[in-house]
C-alpha cells in the first residue's frame, strides 16, 4: 500500500471541516473515487486493445491485473 500526505493551512483545515465530517474521510473518498474512474478507463482501453489484437488469446480476469500490466504513460 502506498501512502500520501496532504498539508493544509489552518484556514484550509477550517474550511474543510465546514464541508466534511472528517477531512481525512473526504480526502480518502475523493482520491479513491478518482482512482476507480481511472482504473475503469484504463481497463476498458486495454480490453479494447487486447480484443483487437489477434495475437492475444487470453485476457486476465482480474481488473487490477489488467491495469497493472497496461503499458500506459503517466500524465505528469
N, C-alpha and C. Protein backbone atom coordinates (compact mmCIF):
# COMPACT_ATOMS: atom_id res chain seq x y z
N UNK A 1 0.85 -1.18 0.00
CA UNK A 1 0.00 0.00 0.00
C UNK A 1 0.89 1.23 0.00
N UNK A 2 0.49 2.23 -0.75
CA UNK A 2 1.23 3.49 -0.86
C UNK A 2 0.46 4.54 -0.08
N UNK A 3 1.20 5.36 0.66
CA UNK A 3 0.57 6.37 1.50
C UNK A 3 1.04 7.76 1.06
N UNK A 4 0.10 8.71 0.99
CA UNK A 4 0.40 10.09 0.65
C UNK A 4 0.02 10.98 1.82
N UNK A 5 0.66 12.12 1.92
CA UNK A 5 0.37 13.08 2.98
C UNK A 5 -0.04 14.40 2.36
N UNK A 6 -1.04 15.03 2.94
CA UNK A 6 -1.51 16.34 2.48
C UNK A 6 -1.36 17.32 3.63
N UNK A 7 -0.78 18.47 3.34
CA UNK A 7 -0.65 19.51 4.36
C UNK A 7 -1.62 20.64 4.05
N UNK A 8 -2.36 21.07 5.07
CA UNK A 8 -3.32 22.16 4.94
C UNK A 8 -2.94 23.29 5.88
N UNK A 9 -3.24 24.50 5.46
CA UNK A 9 -3.10 25.63 6.38
C UNK A 9 -4.24 25.55 7.39
N UNK A 10 -4.16 26.32 8.44
CA UNK A 10 -5.25 26.34 9.42
C UNK A 10 -6.56 26.76 8.76
N UNK A 11 -6.50 27.75 7.87
CA UNK A 11 -7.71 28.23 7.19
C UNK A 11 -8.27 27.15 6.28
N UNK A 12 -7.41 26.44 5.54
CA UNK A 12 -7.88 25.35 4.68
C UNK A 12 -8.51 24.24 5.51
N UNK A 13 -7.91 23.91 6.63
CA UNK A 13 -8.45 22.87 7.50
C UNK A 13 -9.81 23.28 8.05
N UNK A 14 -9.93 24.53 8.47
CA UNK A 14 -11.21 25.02 8.99
C UNK A 14 -12.28 24.95 7.90
N UNK A 15 -11.91 25.35 6.68
CA UNK A 15 -12.85 25.32 5.56
C UNK A 15 -13.27 23.89 5.25
N UNK A 16 -12.32 22.96 5.27
CA UNK A 16 -12.66 21.56 5.00
C UNK A 16 -13.56 20.99 6.09
N UNK A 17 -13.32 21.35 7.33
CA UNK A 17 -14.18 20.88 8.43
C UNK A 17 -15.59 21.43 8.31
N UNK A 18 -15.74 22.54 7.64
CA UNK A 18 -17.06 23.13 7.40
C UNK A 18 -17.88 22.28 6.43
N UNK A 19 -17.21 21.62 5.46
CA UNK A 19 -17.92 20.87 4.42
C UNK A 19 -17.87 19.36 4.59
N UNK A 20 -17.09 18.85 5.54
CA UNK A 20 -16.92 17.40 5.64
C UNK A 20 -17.01 16.94 7.09
N UNK A 21 -17.49 15.71 7.28
CA UNK A 21 -17.50 15.13 8.63
C UNK A 21 -16.08 15.04 9.18
N UNK A 22 -15.20 14.47 8.37
CA UNK A 22 -13.77 14.48 8.70
C UNK A 22 -13.01 14.77 7.41
N UNK A 23 -11.95 15.53 7.55
CA UNK A 23 -11.15 15.88 6.37
C UNK A 23 -10.53 14.63 5.76
N UNK A 24 -9.99 13.76 6.60
CA UNK A 24 -9.35 12.54 6.10
C UNK A 24 -10.34 11.68 5.32
N UNK A 25 -11.54 11.52 5.84
CA UNK A 25 -12.56 10.73 5.14
C UNK A 25 -12.89 11.35 3.78
N UNK A 26 -13.01 12.66 3.73
CA UNK A 26 -13.31 13.36 2.48
C UNK A 26 -12.19 13.14 1.48
N UNK A 27 -10.94 13.32 1.93
CA UNK A 27 -9.79 13.12 1.04
C UNK A 27 -9.75 11.68 0.53
N UNK A 28 -9.91 10.72 1.44
CA UNK A 28 -9.89 9.31 1.04
C UNK A 28 -10.95 9.03 -0.03
N UNK A 29 -12.16 9.52 0.19
CA UNK A 29 -13.25 9.28 -0.76
C UNK A 29 -12.98 9.89 -2.12
N UNK A 30 -12.49 11.12 -2.15
CA UNK A 30 -12.22 11.79 -3.42
C UNK A 30 -11.13 11.06 -4.20
N UNK A 31 -10.04 10.74 -3.52
CA UNK A 31 -8.91 10.10 -4.21
C UNK A 31 -9.28 8.70 -4.67
N UNK A 32 -9.93 7.92 -3.81
CA UNK A 32 -10.31 6.56 -4.19
C UNK A 32 -11.33 6.55 -5.33
N UNK A 33 -12.26 7.48 -5.32
CA UNK A 33 -13.24 7.54 -6.41
C UNK A 33 -12.57 7.92 -7.73
N UNK A 34 -11.64 8.88 -7.69
CA UNK A 34 -10.95 9.27 -8.93
C UNK A 34 -10.08 8.13 -9.44
N UNK A 35 -9.44 7.42 -8.53
CA UNK A 35 -8.63 6.26 -8.93
C UNK A 35 -9.52 5.18 -9.55
N UNK A 36 -10.70 4.96 -8.97
CA UNK A 36 -11.64 3.97 -9.52
C UNK A 36 -12.03 4.34 -10.95
N UNK A 37 -12.27 5.62 -11.19
CA UNK A 37 -12.63 6.07 -12.54
C UNK A 37 -11.47 5.84 -13.51
N UNK A 38 -10.25 6.14 -13.07
CA UNK A 38 -9.09 5.92 -13.94
C UNK A 38 -8.87 4.44 -14.19
N UNK A 39 -9.08 3.60 -13.18
CA UNK A 39 -8.95 2.15 -13.35
C UNK A 39 -9.95 1.68 -14.41
N UNK A 40 -11.18 2.15 -14.32
CA UNK A 40 -12.19 1.76 -15.32
C UNK A 40 -11.77 2.19 -16.71
N UNK A 41 -11.25 3.42 -16.85
CA UNK A 41 -10.81 3.91 -18.16
C UNK A 41 -9.67 3.05 -18.72
N UNK A 42 -8.66 2.81 -17.89
CA UNK A 42 -7.51 2.02 -18.34
C UNK A 42 -7.95 0.61 -18.70
N UNK A 43 -8.77 0.00 -17.85
CA UNK A 43 -9.25 -1.36 -18.10
C UNK A 43 -9.99 -1.43 -19.43
N UNK A 44 -10.91 -0.51 -19.64
CA UNK A 44 -11.68 -0.51 -20.89
C UNK A 44 -10.79 -0.33 -22.11
N UNK A 45 -9.82 0.58 -22.03
CA UNK A 45 -8.88 0.78 -23.15
C UNK A 45 -8.07 -0.48 -23.41
N UNK A 46 -7.61 -1.12 -22.35
CA UNK A 46 -6.79 -2.32 -22.50
C UNK A 46 -7.59 -3.49 -23.05
N UNK A 47 -8.79 -3.68 -22.57
CA UNK A 47 -9.61 -4.79 -23.08
C UNK A 47 -9.92 -4.55 -24.56
N UNK A 48 -10.22 -3.31 -24.92
CA UNK A 48 -10.47 -3.00 -26.33
C UNK A 48 -9.22 -3.27 -27.16
N UNK A 49 -8.05 -2.86 -26.67
CA UNK A 49 -6.80 -3.08 -27.38
C UNK A 49 -6.52 -4.57 -27.52
N UNK A 50 -6.72 -5.31 -26.43
CA UNK A 50 -6.42 -6.75 -26.46
C UNK A 50 -7.38 -7.52 -27.36
N UNK A 51 -8.65 -7.16 -27.36
CA UNK A 51 -9.59 -7.87 -28.23
C UNK A 51 -9.37 -7.56 -29.70
N UNK A 52 -8.77 -6.42 -29.99
CA UNK A 52 -8.47 -6.07 -31.37
C UNK A 52 -7.15 -6.68 -31.87
N UNK A 53 -6.35 -7.21 -30.95
CA UNK A 53 -5.05 -7.78 -31.30
C UNK A 53 -5.20 -9.30 -31.46
N UNK A 54 -5.09 -9.80 -32.70
CA UNK A 54 -5.28 -11.23 -32.93
C UNK A 54 -4.23 -12.11 -32.27
N UNK A 55 -3.10 -11.55 -31.88
CA UNK A 55 -2.06 -12.36 -31.23
C UNK A 55 -2.35 -12.59 -29.75
N UNK A 56 -3.30 -11.86 -29.19
CA UNK A 56 -3.66 -12.05 -27.78
C UNK A 56 -4.82 -13.03 -27.71
N UNK A 57 -4.59 -14.12 -26.99
CA UNK A 57 -5.61 -15.17 -26.91
C UNK A 57 -6.33 -15.21 -25.57
N UNK A 58 -5.77 -14.56 -24.56
CA UNK A 58 -6.44 -14.53 -23.25
C UNK A 58 -6.33 -13.13 -22.65
N UNK A 59 -7.32 -12.80 -21.85
CA UNK A 59 -7.35 -11.54 -21.12
C UNK A 59 -7.47 -11.88 -19.65
N UNK A 60 -6.61 -11.32 -18.80
CA UNK A 60 -6.72 -11.62 -17.36
C UNK A 60 -8.12 -11.31 -16.83
N UNK A 61 -8.59 -12.16 -15.93
CA UNK A 61 -9.92 -11.97 -15.34
C UNK A 61 -9.91 -10.90 -14.27
N UNK A 62 -8.74 -10.58 -13.75
CA UNK A 62 -8.61 -9.61 -12.67
C UNK A 62 -8.40 -8.20 -13.23
N UNK A 63 -9.36 -7.31 -12.96
CA UNK A 63 -9.30 -5.94 -13.49
C UNK A 63 -8.03 -5.23 -13.04
N UNK A 64 -7.66 -5.38 -11.77
CA UNK A 64 -6.45 -4.73 -11.28
C UNK A 64 -5.21 -5.22 -12.00
N UNK A 65 -5.17 -6.50 -12.31
CA UNK A 65 -4.01 -7.04 -13.03
C UNK A 65 -3.92 -6.47 -14.44
N UNK A 66 -5.05 -6.31 -15.09
CA UNK A 66 -5.07 -5.69 -16.43
C UNK A 66 -4.49 -4.29 -16.34
N UNK A 67 -4.89 -3.54 -15.34
CA UNK A 67 -4.39 -2.17 -15.16
C UNK A 67 -2.89 -2.18 -14.85
N UNK A 68 -2.47 -3.06 -13.94
CA UNK A 68 -1.04 -3.11 -13.58
C UNK A 68 -0.18 -3.51 -14.77
N UNK A 69 -0.69 -4.35 -15.65
CA UNK A 69 0.07 -4.80 -16.82
C UNK A 69 0.01 -3.81 -17.98
N UNK A 70 -0.87 -2.85 -17.93
CA UNK A 70 -1.05 -1.91 -19.05
C UNK A 70 0.19 -1.06 -19.26
N UNK A 71 0.55 -0.91 -20.51
CA UNK A 71 1.69 -0.06 -20.88
C UNK A 71 1.14 1.33 -21.17
N UNK A 72 0.98 2.10 -20.12
CA UNK A 72 0.44 3.45 -20.27
C UNK A 72 1.46 4.47 -19.77
N UNK A 73 1.34 5.67 -20.29
CA UNK A 73 2.23 6.74 -19.87
C UNK A 73 1.55 7.56 -18.79
N UNK A 74 2.34 7.95 -17.80
CA UNK A 74 1.81 8.82 -16.75
C UNK A 74 1.65 10.20 -17.34
N UNK A 75 0.65 10.92 -16.89
CA UNK A 75 0.35 12.24 -17.43
C UNK A 75 1.44 13.24 -17.10
N UNK A 76 1.97 13.16 -15.90
CA UNK A 76 2.96 14.17 -15.49
C UNK A 76 4.31 13.55 -15.27
